[in-house]
Amino acid sequence: LIIFMVTTPMLQRGTDVELPRSRTGIAKAEDRLTLTLARDRRIYLNDQEVAPEALASRLRAAAAARQDRILYFRGDAAVPYGTVIEVMDTVKAAGFESVGMITERAAGAP
């Protein structure tokens, strides 16, 4: 499983999460599959809420339908690290080969 970071602009549609900050990143992808883990631990695949018990099957179906096998992850900074790891394990088991960690650009970052 390859993990990389993506820095997003301040304005973004979808579920409201407080993203961690990063000084580096890569350009925003246009056609991407995004998994969001909100502060209240609700899970969204793109903008659609997914029950935790349905996440594995939804991710397997999404991975099978994509050639790139890349998933972008938006996790609220307040979500416990253990919860993030559980979700990442599910992502890996579903067949995704790369995960882009979406962050906000840190103040003073180039």
PDB file of N, CA and C in Angstrom:
ATOM      1  N   LEU A   1       0.854  -1.179   0.000  1.00  0.00           N
ATOM      2  CA  LEU A   1       0.000   0.000   0.000  1.00  0.00           C
ATOM      3  C   LEU A   1       0.893   1.233   0.000  1.00  0.00           C
ATOM      4  N   ILE A   2       0.716   2.079  -0.983  1.00  0.00           N
ATOM      5  CA  ILE A   2       1.491   3.310  -1.104  1.00  0.00           C
ATOM      6  C   ILE A   2       0.636   4.464  -0.613  1.00  0.00           C
ATOM      7  N   ILE A   3       1.206   5.299   0.256  1.00  0.00           N
ATOM      8  CA  ILE A   3       0.473   6.447   0.785  1.00  0.00           C
ATOM      9  C   ILE A   3       1.199   7.717   0.365  1.00  0.00           C
ATOM     10  N   PHE A   4       0.449   8.684  -0.172  1.00  0.00           N
ATOM     11  CA  PHE A   4       1.019   9.971  -0.543  1.00  0.00           C
ATOM     12  C   PHE A   4       0.089  11.064  -0.061  1.00  0.00           C
ATOM     13  N   MET A   5       0.595  12.303  -0.021  1.00  0.00           N
ATOM     14  CA  MET A   5      -0.194  13.413   0.512  1.00  0.00           C
ATOM     15  C   MET A   5      -0.628  14.361  -0.588  1.00  0.00           C
ATOM     16  N   VAL A   6      -1.834  14.892  -0.420  1.00  0.00           N
ATOM     17  CA  VAL A   6      -2.408  15.856  -1.350  1.00  0.00           C
ATOM     18  C   VAL A   6      -2.848  17.062  -0.540  1.00  0.00           C
ATOM     19  N   THR A   7      -2.404  18.245  -0.925  1.00  0.00           N
ATOM     20  CA  THR A   7      -2.829  19.466  -0.252  1.00  0.00           C
ATOM     21  C   THR A   7      -3.968  20.077  -1.046  1.00  0.00           C
ATOM     22  N   THR A   8      -5.073  20.404  -0.361  1.00  0.00           N
ATOM     23  CA  THR A   8      -6.260  20.915  -1.033  1.00  0.00           C
ATOM     24  C   THR A   8      -6.444  22.397  -0.761  1.00  0.00           C
ATOM     25  N   PRO A   9      -7.182  23.075  -1.640  1.00  0.00           N
ATOM     26  CA  PRO A   9      -7.515  24.475  -1.377  1.00  0.00           C
ATOM     27  C   PRO A   9      -8.448  24.582  -0.173  1.00  0.00           C
ATOM     28  N   MET A  10      -8.525  25.773   0.402  1.00  0.00           N
ATOM     29  CA  MET A  10      -9.346  25.976   1.589  1.00  0.00           C
ATOM     30  C   MET A  10     -10.821  25.696   1.339  1.00  0.00           C
ATOM     31  N   LEU A  11     -11.337  26.021   0.176  1.00  0.00           N
ATOM     32  CA  LEU A  11     -12.742  25.780  -0.119  1.00  0.00           C
ATOM     33  C   LEU A  11     -12.901  24.449  -0.824  1.00  0.00           C
ATOM     34  N   GLN A  12     -13.724  23.580  -0.248  1.00  0.00           N
ATOM     35  CA  GLN A  12     -13.960  22.279  -0.854  1.00  0.00           C
ATOM     36  C   GLN A  12     -15.363  21.821  -0.471  1.00  0.00           C
ATOM     37  N   ARG A  13     -16.047  21.192  -1.425  1.00  0.00           N
ATOM     38  CA  ARG A  13     -17.397  20.716  -1.168  1.00  0.00           C
ATOM     39  C   ARG A  13     -17.348  19.422  -0.377  1.00  0.00           C
ATOM     40  N   GLY A  14     -18.492  19.048   0.180  1.00  0.00           N
ATOM     41  CA  GLY A  14     -18.600  17.757   0.835  1.00  0.00           C
ATOM     42  C   GLY A  14     -18.684  17.896   2.339  1.00  0.00           C
ATOM     43  N   THR A  15     -18.390  16.820   3.015  1.00  0.00           N
ATOM     44  CA  THR A  15     -18.477  16.746   4.459  1.00  0.00           C
ATOM     45  C   THR A  15     -17.435  17.650   5.100  1.00  0.00           C
ATOM     46  N   ASP A  16     -17.843  18.354   6.141  1.00  0.00           N
ATOM     47  CA  ASP A  16     -16.969  19.296   6.814  1.00  0.00           C
ATOM     48  C   ASP A  16     -16.062  18.557   7.784  1.00  0.00           C
ATOM     49  N   VAL A  17     -14.767  18.552   7.518  1.00  0.00           N
ATOM     50  CA  VAL A  17     -13.799  17.966   8.435  1.00  0.00           C
ATOM     51  C   VAL A  17     -12.645  18.943   8.605  1.00  0.00           C
ATOM     52  N   GLU A  18     -12.020  18.909   9.778  1.00  0.00           N
ATOM     53  CA  GLU A  18     -10.833  19.720  10.021  1.00  0.00           C
ATOM     54  C   GLU A  18      -9.626  18.870   9.662  1.00  0.00           C
ATOM     55  N   LEU A  19      -9.030  19.155   8.513  1.00  0.00           N
ATOM     56  CA  LEU A  19      -7.921  18.357   8.009  1.00  0.00           C
ATOM     57  C   LEU A  19      -6.625  18.713   8.721  1.00  0.00           C
ATOM     58  N   PRO A  20      -5.712  17.725   8.861  1.00  0.00           N
ATOM     59  CA  PRO A  20      -4.380  18.038   9.369  1.00  0.00           C
ATOM     60  C   PRO A  20      -3.677  18.992   8.401  1.00  0.00           C
ATOM     61  N   ARG A  21      -2.643  19.645   8.849  1.00  0.00           N
ATOM     62  CA  ARG A  21      -1.909  20.595   8.005  1.00  0.00           C
ATOM     63  C   ARG A  21      -0.619  19.955   7.500  1.00  0.00           C
ATOM     64  N   SER A  22      -0.196  20.374   6.311  1.00  0.00           N
ATOM     65  CA  SER A  22       1.016  19.845   5.697  1.00  0.00           C
ATOM     66  C   SER A  22       1.717  20.944   4.917  1.00  0.00           C
ATOM     67  N   ARG A  23       3.039  20.898   4.874  1.00  0.00           N
ATOM     68  CA  ARG A  23       3.821  21.873   4.108  1.00  0.00           C
ATOM     69  C   ARG A  23       4.040  21.415   2.674  1.00  0.00           C
ATOM     70  N   THR A  24       3.866  20.138   2.401  1.00  0.00           N
ATOM     71  CA  THR A  24       4.092  19.611   1.056  1.00  0.00           C
ATOM     72  C   THR A  24       2.851  18.908   0.566  1.00  0.00           C
ATOM     73  N   GLY A  25       2.819  18.599  -0.706  1.00  0.00           N
ATOM     74  CA  GLY A  25       1.689  17.882  -1.275  1.00  0.00           C
ATOM     75  C   GLY A  25       1.834  17.800  -2.770  1.00  0.00           C
ATOM     76  N   ILE A  26       0.841  17.193  -3.407  1.00  0.00           N
ATOM     77  CA  ILE A  26       0.828  17.131  -4.860  1.00  0.00           C
ATOM     78  C   ILE A  26      -0.468  17.740  -5.352  1.00  0.00           C
ATOM     79  N   ALA A  27      -0.542  17.956  -6.618  1.00  0.00           N
ATOM     80  CA  ALA A  27      -1.715  18.607  -7.207  1.00  0.00           C
ATOM     81  C   ALA A  27      -2.983  17.796  -6.978  1.00  0.00           C
ATOM     82  N   LYS A  28      -4.081  18.488  -6.917  1.00  0.00           N
ATOM     83  CA  LYS A  28      -5.398  17.881  -6.740  1.00  0.00           C
ATOM     84  C   LYS A  28      -5.766  17.049  -7.968  1.00  0.00           C
ATOM     85  N   ALA A  29      -6.255  15.831  -7.743  1.00  0.00           N
ATOM     86  CA  ALA A  29      -6.696  14.967  -8.843  1.00  0.00           C
ATOM     87  C   ALA A  29      -8.120  15.344  -9.229  1.00  0.00           C
ATOM     88  N   GLU A  30      -8.432  15.259 -10.504  1.00  0.00           N
ATOM     89  CA  GLU A  30      -9.761  15.635 -10.994  1.00  0.00           C
ATOM     90  C   GLU A  30     -10.805  14.543 -10.761  1.00  0.00           C
ATOM     91  N   ASP A  31     -10.521  13.351 -11.214  1.00  0.00           N
ATOM     92  CA  ASP A  31     -11.483  12.253 -11.106  1.00  0.00           C
ATOM     93  C   ASP A  31     -11.012  11.309 -10.016  1.00  0.00           C
ATOM     94  N   ARG A  32     -11.446  11.576  -8.791  1.00  0.00           N
ATOM     95  CA  ARG A  32     -10.926  10.773  -7.696  1.00  0.00           C
ATOM     96  C   ARG A  32     -12.026  10.185  -6.832  1.00  0.00           C
ATOM     97  N   LEU A  33     -11.690   9.101  -6.188  1.00  0.00           N
ATOM     98  CA  LEU A  33     -12.568   8.468  -5.221  1.00  0.00           C
ATOM     99  C   LEU A  33     -12.069   8.901  -3.849  1.00  0.00           C
ATOM    100  N   THR A  34     -12.938   9.543  -3.079  1.00  0.00           N
ATOM    101  CA  THR A  34     -12.526  10.087  -1.790  1.00  0.00           C
ATOM    102  C   THR A  34     -13.304   9.441  -0.657  1.00  0.00           C
ATOM    103  N   LEU A  35     -12.565   8.974   0.346  1.00  0.00           N
ATOM    104  CA  LEU A  35     -13.164   8.441   1.560  1.00  0.00           C
ATOM    105  C   LEU A  35     -12.944   9.482   2.647  1.00  0.00           C
ATOM    106  N   THR A  36     -14.023   9.890   3.311  1.00  0.00           N
ATOM    107  CA  THR A  36     -13.942  10.888   4.374  1.00  0.00           C
ATOM    108  C   THR A  36     -14.312  10.243   5.697  1.00  0.00           C
ATOM    109  N   LEU A  37     -13.472  10.476   6.708  1.00  0.00           N
ATOM    110  CA  LEU A  37     -13.745  10.025   8.066  1.00  0.00           C
ATOM    111  C   LEU A  37     -13.951  11.285   8.902  1.00  0.00           C
ATOM    112  N   ALA A  38     -15.206  11.548   9.260  1.00  0.00           N
ATOM    113  CA  ALA A  38     -15.569  12.783   9.958  1.00  0.00           C
ATOM    114  C   ALA A  38     -15.249  12.697  11.449  1.00  0.00           C
ATOM    115  N   ARG A  39     -15.254  13.846  12.098  1.00  0.00           N
ATOM    116  CA  ARG A  39     -14.968  13.933  13.535  1.00  0.00           C
ATOM    117  C   ARG A  39     -15.856  12.992  14.349  1.00  0.00           C
ATOM    118  N   ASP A  40     -17.125  12.866  13.941  1.00  0.00           N
ATOM    119  CA  ASP A  40     -18.063  11.992  14.665  1.00  0.00           C
ATOM    120  C   ASP A  40     -17.942  10.529  14.219  1.00  0.00           C
ATOM    121  N   ARG A  41     -16.904  10.235  13.428  1.00  0.00           N
ATOM    122  CA  ARG A  41     -16.563   8.901  12.921  1.00  0.00           C
ATOM    123  C   ARG A  41     -17.531   8.384  11.862  1.00  0.00           C
ATOM    124  N   ARG A  42     -18.353   9.259  11.308  1.00  0.00           N
ATOM    125  CA  ARG A  42     -19.159   8.858  10.159  1.00  0.00           C
ATOM    126  C   ARG A  42     -18.226   8.716   8.969  1.00  0.00           C
ATOM    127  N   ILE A  43     -18.570   7.792   8.081  1.00  0.00           N
ATOM    128  CA  ILE A  43     -17.733   7.507   6.921  1.00  0.00           C
ATOM    129  C   ILE A  43     -18.503   7.856   5.660  1.00  0.00           C
ATOM    130  N   TYR A  44     -17.819   8.526   4.727  1.00  0.00           N
ATOM    131  CA  TYR A  44     -18.421   8.913   3.454  1.00  0.00           C
ATOM    132  C   TYR A  44     -17.527   8.431   2.322  1.00  0.00           C
ATOM    133  N   LEU A  45     -18.146   7.889   1.292  1.00  0.00           N
ATOM    134  CA  LEU A  45     -17.442   7.550   0.063  1.00  0.00           C
ATOM    135  C   LEU A  45     -17.903   8.579  -0.950  1.00  0.00           C
ATOM    136  N   ASN A  46     -16.988   9.437  -1.378  1.00  0.00           N
ATOM    137  CA  ASN A  46     -17.318  10.680  -2.068  1.00  0.00           C
ATOM    138  C   ASN A  46     -18.288  11.426  -1.156  1.00  0.00           C
ATOM    139  N   ASP A  47     -19.470  11.766  -1.549  1.00  0.00           N
ATOM    140  CA  ASP A  47     -20.370  12.511  -0.663  1.00  0.00           C
ATOM    141  C   ASP A  47     -21.472  11.650  -0.065  1.00  0.00           C
ATOM    142  N   GLN A  48     -21.383  10.340  -0.225  1.00  0.00           N
ATOM    143  CA  GLN A  48     -22.439   9.443   0.234  1.00  0.00           C
ATOM    144  C   GLN A  48     -22.015   8.731   1.519  1.00  0.00           C
ATOM    145  N   GLU A  49     -22.841   8.854   2.570  1.00  0.00           N
ATOM    146  CA  GLU A  49     -22.523   8.188   3.832  1.00  0.00           C
ATOM    147  C   GLU A  49     -22.597   6.671   3.666  1.00  0.00           C
ATOM    148  N   VAL A  50     -21.647   5.988   4.300  1.00  0.00           N
ATOM    149  CA  VAL A  50     -21.564   4.530   4.231  1.00  0.00           C
ATOM    150  C   VAL A  50     -21.547   3.994   5.657  1.00  0.00           C
ATOM    151  N   ALA A  51     -22.416   3.028   5.943  1.00  0.00           N
ATOM    152  CA  ALA A  51     -22.417   2.391   7.257  1.00  0.00           C
ATOM    153  C   ALA A  51     -21.109   1.622   7.437  1.00  0.00           C
ATOM    154  N   PRO A  52     -20.521   1.639   8.634  1.00  0.00           N
ATOM    155  CA  PRO A  52     -19.247   0.942   8.849  1.00  0.00           C
ATOM    156  C   PRO A  52     -19.275  -0.525   8.414  1.00  0.00           C
ATOM    157  N   GLU A  53     -20.401  -1.190   8.637  1.00  0.00           N
ATOM    158  CA  GLU A  53     -20.495  -2.611   8.268  1.00  0.00           C
ATOM    159  C   GLU A  53     -20.582  -2.822   6.755  1.00  0.00           C
ATOM    160  N   ALA A  54     -20.903  -1.778   6.009  1.00  0.00           N
ATOM    161  CA  ALA A  54     -20.985  -1.875   4.545  1.00  0.00           C
ATOM    162  C   ALA A  54     -19.727  -1.360   3.849  1.00  0.00           C
ATOM    163  N   LEU A  55     -18.800  -0.786   4.619  1.00  0.00           N
ATOM    164  CA  LEU A  55     -17.632  -0.146   4.015  1.00  0.00           C
ATOM    165  C   LEU A  55     -16.786  -1.116   3.194  1.00  0.00           C
ATOM    166  N   ALA A  56     -16.478  -2.272   3.721  1.00  0.00           N
ATOM    167  CA  ALA A  56     -15.604  -3.219   3.010  1.00  0.00           C
ATOM    168  C   ALA A  56     -16.182  -3.607   1.654  1.00  0.00           C
ATOM    169  N   SER A  57     -17.465  -3.930   1.606  1.00  0.00           N
ATOM    170  CA  SER A  57     -18.058  -4.344   0.328  1.00  0.00           C
ATOM    171  C   SER A  57     -18.141  -3.179  -0.651  1.00  0.00           C
ATOM    172  N   ARG A  58     -18.441  -1.985  -0.163  1.00  0.00           N
ATOM    173  CA  ARG A  58     -18.486  -0.804  -1.044  1.00  0.00           C
ATOM    174  C   ARG A  58     -17.102  -0.495  -1.611  1.00  0.00           C
ATOM    175  N   LEU A  59     -16.078  -0.624  -0.777  1.00  0.00           N
ATOM    176  CA  LEU A  59     -14.719  -0.366  -1.246  1.00  0.00           C
ATOM    177  C   LEU A  59     -14.253  -1.421  -2.244  1.00  0.00           C
ATOM    178  N   ARG A  60     -14.585  -2.688  -2.003  1.00  0.00           N
ATOM    179  CA  ARG A  60     -14.215  -3.745  -2.960  1.00  0.00           C
ATOM    180  C   ARG A  60     -14.842  -3.479  -4.318  1.00  0.00           C
ATOM    181  N   ALA A  61     -16.119  -3.097  -4.325  1.00  0.00           N
ATOM    182  CA  ALA A  61     -16.805  -2.799  -5.589  1.00  0.00           C
ATOM    183  C   ALA A  61     -16.166  -1.594  -6.277  1.00  0.00           C
ATOM    184  N   ALA A  62     -15.822  -0.575  -5.507  1.00  0.00           N
ATOM    185  CA  ALA A  62     -15.201   0.618  -6.083  1.00  0.00           C
ATOM    186  C   ALA A  62     -13.815   0.297  -6.639  1.00  0.00           C
ATOM    187  N   ALA A  63     -13.042  -0.498  -5.932  1.00  0.00           N
ATOM    188  CA  ALA A  63     -11.698  -0.868  -6.401  1.00  0.00           C
ATOM    189  C   ALA A  63     -11.777  -1.678  -7.685  1.00  0.00           C
ATOM    190  N   ALA A  64     -12.745  -2.578  -7.758  1.00  0.00           N
ATOM    191  CA  ALA A  64     -12.900  -3.416  -8.955  1.00  0.00           C
ATOM    192  C   ALA A  64     -13.287  -2.585 -10.176  1.00  0.00           C
ATOM    193  N   ALA A  65     -13.967  -1.468  -9.947  1.00  0.00           N
ATOM    194  CA  ALA A  65     -14.446  -0.633 -11.049  1.00  0.00           C
ATOM    195  C   ALA A  65     -13.416   0.402 -11.514  1.00  0.00           C
ATOM    196  N   ARG A  66     -12.296   0.524 -10.788  1.00  0.00           N
ATOM    197  CA  ARG A  66     -11.305   1.556 -11.114  1.00  0.00           C
ATOM    198  C   ARG A  66     -10.025   0.931 -11.640  1.00  0.00           C
ATOM    199  N   GLN A  67      -9.471   1.523 -12.677  1.00  0.00           N
ATOM    200  CA  GLN A  67      -8.189   1.053 -13.195  1.00  0.00           C
ATOM    201  C   GLN A  67      -7.030   1.532 -12.338  1.00  0.00           C
ATOM    202  N   ASP A  68      -7.143   2.720 -11.768  1.00  0.00           N
ATOM    203  CA  ASP A  68      -6.004   3.297 -11.050  1.00  0.00           C
ATOM    204  C   ASP A  68      -5.809   2.754  -9.636  1.00  0.00           C
ATOM    205  N   ARG A  69      -6.824   2.200  -9.029  1.00  0.00           N
ATOM    206  CA  ARG A  69      -6.757   1.650  -7.668  1.00  0.00           C
ATOM    207  C   ARG A  69      -6.175   2.648  -6.665  1.00  0.00           C
ATOM    208  N   ILE A  70      -6.560   3.916  -6.850  1.00  0.00           N
ATOM    209  CA  ILE A  70      -6.123   4.986  -5.948  1.00  0.00           C
ATOM    210  C   ILE A  70      -7.336   5.526  -5.206  1.00  0.00           C
ATOM    211  N   LEU A  71      -7.201   5.687  -3.900  1.00  0.00           N
ATOM    212  CA  LEU A  71      -8.251   6.255  -3.069  1.00  0.00           C
ATOM    213  C   LEU A  71      -7.658   7.453  -2.333  1.00  0.00           C
ATOM    214  N   TYR A  72      -8.416   8.532  -2.235  1.00  0.00           N
ATOM    215  CA  TYR A  72      -7.985   9.715  -1.498  1.00  0.00           C
ATOM    216  C   TYR A  72      -8.704   9.726  -0.159  1.00  0.00           C
ATOM    217  N   PHE A  73      -7.963   9.983   0.922  1.00  0.00           N
ATOM    218  CA  PHE A  73      -8.494   9.907   2.277  1.00  0.00           C
ATOM    219  C   PHE A  73      -8.491  11.283   2.924  1.00  0.00           C
ATOM    220  N   ARG A  74      -9.672  11.680   3.431  1.00  0.00           N
ATOM    221  CA  ARG A  74      -9.836  12.920   4.195  1.00  0.00           C
ATOM    222  C   ARG A  74     -10.259  12.520   5.594  1.00  0.00           C
ATOM    223  N   GLY A  75      -9.379  12.669   6.549  1.00  0.00           N
ATOM    224  CA  GLY A  75      -9.711  12.318   7.926  1.00  0.00           C
ATOM    225  C   GLY A  75      -9.622  13.528   8.827  1.00  0.00           C
ATOM    226  N   ASP A  76     -10.640  13.738   9.644  1.00  0.00           N
ATOM    227  CA  ASP A  76     -10.618  14.852  10.580  1.00  0.00           C
ATOM    228  C   ASP A  76      -9.447  14.661  11.540  1.00  0.00           C
ATOM    229  N   ALA A  77      -8.739  15.748  11.842  1.00  0.00           N
ATOM    230  CA  ALA A  77      -7.567  15.692  12.710  1.00  0.00           C
ATOM    231  C   ALA A  77      -7.904  15.195  14.116  1.00  0.00           C
ATOM    232  N   ALA A  78      -9.170  15.295  14.539  1.00  0.00           N
ATOM    233  CA  ALA A  78      -9.567  14.879  15.880  1.00  0.00           C
ATOM    234  C   ALA A  78      -9.898  13.388  15.976  1.00  0.00           C
ATOM    235  N   VAL A  79      -9.951  12.680  14.853  1.00  0.00           N
ATOM    236  CA  VAL A  79     -10.264  11.245  14.877  1.00  0.00           C
ATOM    237  C   VAL A  79      -9.055  10.495  15.429  1.00  0.00           C
ATOM    238  N   PRO A  80      -9.266   9.587  16.393  1.00  0.00           N
ATOM    239  CA  PRO A  80      -8.141   8.840  16.960  1.00  0.00           C
ATOM    240  C   PRO A  80      -7.372   8.057  15.891  1.00  0.00           C
ATOM    241  N   TYR A  81      -6.059   8.019  16.063  1.00  0.00           N
ATOM    242  CA  TYR A  81      -5.172   7.348  15.117  1.00  0.00           C
ATOM    243  C   TYR A  81      -5.578   5.887  14.907  1.00  0.00           C
ATOM    244  N   GLY A  82      -5.976   5.208  15.967  1.00  0.00           N
ATOM    245  CA  GLY A  82      -6.391   3.806  15.856  1.00  0.00           C
ATOM    246  C   GLY A  82      -7.573   3.628  14.915  1.00  0.00           C
ATOM    247  N   THR A  83      -8.495   4.565  14.939  1.00  0.00           N
ATOM    248  CA  THR A  83      -9.650   4.511  14.043  1.00  0.00           C
ATOM    249  C   THR A  83      -9.211   4.695  12.594  1.00  0.00           C
ATOM    250  N   VAL A  84      -8.277   5.615  12.368  1.00  0.00           N
ATOM    251  CA  VAL A  84      -7.749   5.828  11.014  1.00  0.00           C
ATOM    252  C   VAL A  84      -7.089   4.544  10.510  1.00  0.00           C
ATOM    253  N   ILE A  85      -6.305   3.888  11.348  1.00  0.00           N
ATOM    254  CA  ILE A  85      -5.618   2.650  10.954  1.00  0.00           C
ATOM    255  C   ILE A  85      -6.626   1.556  10.617  1.00  0.00           C
ATOM    256  N   GLU A  86      -7.692   1.436  11.383  1.00  0.00           N
ATOM    257  CA  GLU A  86      -8.732   0.442  11.078  1.00  0.00           C
ATOM    258  C   GLU A  86      -9.322   0.685   9.693  1.00  0.00           C
ATOM    259  N   VAL A  87      -9.619   1.935   9.383  1.00  0.00           N
ATOM    260  CA  VAL A  87     -10.177   2.272   8.073  1.00  0.00           C
ATOM    261  C   VAL A  87      -9.149   1.995   6.975  1.00  0.00           C
ATOM    262  N   MET A  88      -7.879   2.352   7.212  1.00  0.00           N
ATOM    263  CA  MET A  88      -6.828   2.097   6.217  1.00  0.00           C
ATOM    264  C   MET A  88      -6.645   0.597   5.967  1.00  0.00           C
ATOM    265  N   ASP A  89      -6.779  -0.220   7.007  1.00  0.00           N
ATOM    266  CA  ASP A  89      -6.710  -1.675   6.829  1.00  0.00           C
ATOM    267  C   ASP A  89      -7.834  -2.160   5.918  1.00  0.00           C
ATOM    268  N   THR A  90      -9.023  -1.602   6.086  1.00  0.00           N
ATOM    269  CA  THR A  90     -10.163  -1.964   5.240  1.00  0.00           C
ATOM    270  C   THR A  90      -9.918  -1.538   3.799  1.00  0.00           C
ATOM    271  N   VAL A  91      -9.341  -0.358   3.614  1.00  0.00           N
ATOM    272  CA  VAL A  91      -9.014   0.149   2.271  1.00  0.00           C
ATOM    273  C   VAL A  91      -8.021  -0.788   1.586  1.00  0.00           C
ATOM    274  N   LYS A  92      -6.979  -1.166   2.294  1.00  0.00           N
ATOM    275  CA  LYS A  92      -5.953  -2.056   1.731  1.00  0.00           C
ATOM    276  C   LYS A  92      -6.550  -3.414   1.375  1.00  0.00           C
ATOM    277  N   ALA A  93      -7.349  -3.976   2.278  1.00  0.00           N
ATOM    278  CA  ALA A  93      -7.968  -5.282   2.035  1.00  0.00           C
ATOM    279  C   ALA A  93      -8.929  -5.247   0.851  1.00  0.00           C
ATOM    280  N   ALA A  94      -9.487  -4.077   0.555  1.00  0.00           N
ATOM    281  CA  ALA A  94     -10.431  -3.944  -0.561  1.00  0.00           C
ATOM    282  C   ALA A  94      -9.728  -3.951  -1.912  1.00  0.00           C
ATOM    283  N   GLY A  95      -8.410  -3.769  -1.915  1.00  0.00           N
ATOM    284  CA  GLY A  95      -7.670  -3.833  -3.168  1.00  0.00           C
ATOM    285  C   GLY A  95      -7.083  -2.530  -3.664  1.00  0.00           C
ATOM    286  N   PHE A  96      -7.170  -1.472  -2.870  1.00  0.00           N
ATOM    287  CA  PHE A  96      -6.559  -0.208  -3.291  1.00  0.00           C
ATOM    288  C   PHE A  96      -5.052  -0.292  -3.095  1.00  0.00           C
ATOM    289  N   GLU A  97      -4.309   0.172  -4.105  1.00  0.00           N
ATOM    290  CA  GLU A  97      -2.851   0.089  -4.085  1.00  0.00           C
ATOM    291  C   GLU A  97      -2.193   1.363  -3.583  1.00  0.00           C
ATOM    292  N   SER A  98      -2.892   2.487  -3.697  1.00  0.00           N
ATOM    293  CA  SER A  98      -2.348   3.776  -3.261  1.00  0.00           C
ATOM    294  C   SER A  98      -3.426   4.563  -2.540  1.00  0.00           C
ATOM    295  N   VAL A  99      -2.996   5.290  -1.500  1.00  0.00           N
ATOM    296  CA  VAL A  99      -3.908   6.159  -0.760  1.00  0.00           C
ATOM    297  C   VAL A  99      -3.290   7.542  -0.700  1.00  0.00           C
ATOM    298  N   GLY A 100      -4.034   8.536  -1.150  1.00  0.00           N
ATOM    299  CA  GLY A 100      -3.606   9.928  -1.044  1.00  0.00           C
ATOM    300  C   GLY A 100      -4.207  10.527   0.208  1.00  0.00           C
ATOM    301  N   MET A 101      -3.361  11.026   1.100  1.00  0.00           N
ATOM    302  CA  MET A 101      -3.821  11.638   2.341  1.00  0.00           C
ATOM    303  C   MET A 101      -4.048  13.123   2.072  1.00  0.00           C
ATOM    304  N   ILE A 102      -5.291  13.567   2.134  1.00  0.00           N
ATOM    305  CA  ILE A 102      -5.636  14.957   1.842  1.00  0.00           C
ATOM    306  C   ILE A 102      -5.460  15.790   3.105  1.00  0.00           C
ATOM    307  N   THR A 103      -4.719  16.889   2.989  1.00  0.00           N
ATOM    308  CA  THR A 103      -4.463  17.787   4.114  1.00  0.00           C
ATOM    309  C   THR A 103      -4.737  19.222   3.687  1.00  0.00           C
ATOM    310  N   GLU A 104      -4.764  20.119   4.659  1.00  0.00           N
ATOM    311  CA  GLU A 104      -4.828  21.557   4.389  1.00  0.00           C
ATOM    312  C   GLU A 104      -3.398  22.068   4.341  1.00  0.00           C
ATOM    313  N   ARG A 105      -3.142  23.071   3.534  1.00  0.00           N
ATOM    314  CA  ARG A 105      -1.803  23.664   3.474  1.00  0.00           C
ATOM    315  C   ARG A 105      -1.536  24.389   4.796  1.00  0.00           C
ATOM    316  N   ALA A 106      -0.396  24.100   5.417  1.00  0.00           N
ATOM    317  CA  ALA A 106      -0.018  24.730   6.677  1.00  0.00           C
ATOM    318  C   ALA A 106       0.278  26.210   6.461  1.00  0.00           C
ATOM    319  N   ALA A 107       0.023  27.012   7.478  1.00  0.00           N
ATOM    320  CA  ALA A 107       0.317  28.442   7.400  1.00  0.00           C
ATOM    321  C   ALA A 107       1.807  28.632   7.142  1.00  0.00           C
ATOM    322  N   GLY A 108       2.134  29.486   6.199  1.00  0.00           N
ATOM    323  CA  GLY A 108       3.522  29.754   5.871  1.00  0.00           C
ATOM    324  C   GLY A 108       4.157  28.743   4.938  1.00  0.00           C
ATOM    325  N   ALA A 109       3.388  27.753   4.486  1.00  0.00           N
ATOM    326  CA  ALA A 109       3.928  26.751   3.559  1.00  0.00           C
ATOM    327  C   ALA A 109       4.067  27.364   2.173  1.00  0.00           C
ATOM    328  N   PRO A 110       5.075  26.928   1.424  1.00  0.00           N
ATOM    329  CA  PRO A 110       5.265  27.482   0.071  1.00  0.00           C
ATOM    330  C   PRO A 110       4.144  27.129  -0.866  1.00  0.00           C
TER     331      PRO A 110
END
